[in-house]
Amino acid sequence: MITGIDHIVLTVRDIERSAAFYERVLKMEVIIFGEGRRALRFGTQKINLQTLGQETRNYAGIGSGDLCLITEIAPKALLAHLAAAGVTVIEGPVEKSGALGPITSVYFNDPDGNLVEVSSYS
């Protein structure tokens, strides 16, 4: 029935700051949709950004996001890239279980405290 994820939504304090972080650190494309909303596009997916209270149908909280993104960059190169971008790594590289099997993951937080896991399949 379900074939993939089109988009997810992160609740943030400052949409412009978050968009700039994901664009700078993870090279995502910042796009504008709807009535001036911002999203981060990568591959065939996107992350919509919203502020607290913008969406009243959910129980969103700032910093409650936890997402895993897949890269083809080797963990050692990823660590070097994150260090150059001034990002503090919380954990990793560490072996985890991904949707398609074993992955090697590196964890860090975005400016709002959302947990970002960047992983690669071997």
Protein backbone atom coordinates (compact mmCIF):
# COMPACT_ATOMS: atom_id res chain seq x y z
CA MET A 1 0.00 0.00 0.00
CA ILE A 2 2.69 2.54 1.00
CA THR A 3 5.61 2.98 -1.41
CA GLY A 4 7.70 5.71 0.22
CA ILE A 5 7.87 8.96 2.14
CA ASP A 6 7.11 12.14 0.23
CA HIS A 7 7.91 14.59 3.02
CA ILE A 8 8.20 15.02 6.75
CA VAL A 9 7.76 18.18 8.82
CA LEU A 10 10.10 19.66 11.41
CA THR A 11 8.92 22.27 13.90
CA VAL A 12 11.58 24.93 14.42
CA ARG A 13 12.00 28.28 16.19
CA ASP A 14 13.34 30.18 13.17
CA ILE A 15 12.60 28.85 9.69
CA GLU A 16 15.27 30.94 7.97
CA ARG A 17 17.97 29.81 10.42
CA SER A 18 16.99 26.17 10.04
CA ALA A 19 16.81 26.39 6.25
CA ALA A 20 20.28 27.96 6.17
CA PHE A 21 21.67 25.20 8.45
CA TYR A 22 20.37 22.33 6.32
CA GLU A 23 21.44 24.07 3.11
CA ARG A 24 24.96 24.75 4.43
CA VAL A 25 25.60 21.52 6.33
CA LEU A 26 23.70 18.92 4.29
CA LYS A 27 23.55 20.70 0.92
CA MET A 28 19.75 20.52 0.76
CA GLU A 29 17.92 22.84 -1.64
CA VAL A 30 15.71 25.43 0.04
CA ILE A 31 12.43 25.82 -1.84
CA ILE A 32 9.34 27.96 -1.36
CA PHE A 33 5.88 26.45 -1.75
CA GLY A 34 2.28 27.24 -0.93
CA GLU A 35 1.86 30.69 0.57
CA GLY A 36 5.55 31.36 1.21
CA ARG A 37 6.32 28.23 3.22
CA ARG A 38 9.87 26.85 3.21
CA ALA A 39 11.03 23.30 2.61
CA LEU A 40 14.30 21.45 2.13
CA ARG A 41 14.46 19.30 -0.97
CA PHE A 42 16.92 16.43 -1.48
CA GLY A 43 16.59 13.55 -3.93
CA THR A 44 12.88 12.84 -4.33
CA GLN A 45 11.91 13.88 -0.80
CA LYS A 46 11.54 17.08 1.17
CA ILE A 47 11.37 18.33 4.73
CA ASN A 48 8.77 21.03 5.34
CA LEU A 49 9.62 23.58 8.04
CA GLN A 50 7.01 25.04 10.36
CA THR A 51 6.98 27.12 13.52
CA LEU A 52 5.26 26.08 16.72
CA GLY A 53 1.47 26.40 16.38
CA GLN A 54 1.54 26.80 12.60
CA GLU A 55 -0.07 23.37 12.14
CA THR A 56 -2.93 22.81 14.56
CA ARG A 57 -3.68 19.19 13.56
CA ASN A 58 -0.63 17.74 15.29
CA TYR A 59 1.14 17.91 18.64
CA ALA A 60 4.43 19.19 17.29
CA GLY A 61 7.18 20.39 19.56
CA ILE A 62 10.35 22.27 18.77
CA GLY A 63 13.31 19.91 18.74
CA SER A 64 11.27 16.70 18.90
CA GLY A 65 12.31 15.53 15.43
CA ASP A 66 14.49 12.47 14.92
CA LEU A 67 15.38 11.68 11.34
CA CYS A 68 17.76 9.41 9.48
CA LEU A 69 19.14 10.57 6.14
CA ILE A 70 21.08 8.37 3.72
CA THR A 71 24.33 9.47 2.06
CA GLU A 72 26.82 7.89 -0.28
CA ILE A 73 29.66 9.76 1.43
CA ALA A 74 32.00 7.54 3.49
CA PRO A 75 31.73 8.07 7.28
CA LYS A 76 35.30 9.43 7.52
CA ALA A 77 34.58 12.04 4.83
CA LEU A 78 31.25 12.88 6.49
CA LEU A 79 33.02 13.51 9.81
CA ALA A 80 35.51 15.82 8.08
CA HIS A 81 32.68 17.70 6.34
CA LEU A 82 30.74 18.15 9.59
CA ALA A 83 33.87 19.33 11.43
CA ALA A 84 34.56 21.88 8.67
CA ALA A 85 30.95 23.08 8.98
CA GLY A 86 31.35 23.52 12.75
CA VAL A 87 28.88 20.78 13.62
CA THR A 88 29.41 18.84 16.87
CA VAL A 89 29.01 15.10 16.42
CA ILE A 90 27.12 13.43 19.27
CA GLU A 91 27.85 9.83 18.29
CA GLY A 92 29.43 7.87 15.50
CA PRO A 93 30.35 6.44 13.27
CA VAL A 94 28.39 3.55 14.76
CA GLU A 95 26.72 0.50 13.23
CA LYS A 96 22.91 0.58 13.23
CA SER A 97 20.04 -1.16 11.47
CA GLY A 98 18.52 0.66 8.50
CA ALA A 99 15.41 -0.07 6.45
CA LEU A 100 17.47 -2.09 3.94
CA GLY A 101 20.02 -3.63 6.32
CA PRO A 102 23.10 -2.55 8.29
CA ILE A 103 24.10 1.11 8.13
CA THR A 104 26.92 3.21 9.54
CA SER A 105 25.53 6.29 11.27
CA VAL A 106 26.76 9.66 12.52
CA TYR A 107 24.52 11.68 14.86
CA PHE A 108 24.29 15.43 15.53
CA ASN A 109 21.66 18.03 16.44
CA ASP A 110 20.30 20.82 14.27
CA PRO A 111 19.97 24.35 15.75
CA ASP A 112 16.64 23.43 17.40
CA GLY A 113 17.83 20.17 18.95
CA ASN A 114 16.27 17.84 16.39
CA LEU A 115 18.35 14.66 16.18
CA VAL A 116 19.87 14.14 12.73
CA GLU A 117 21.33 10.78 11.82
CA VAL A 118 23.29 10.64 8.57
CA SER A 119 23.93 7.07 7.49
CA SER A 120 25.48 5.06 4.71
CA TYR A 121 24.97 1.52 3.53
CA SER A 122 28.21 -0.39 2.96
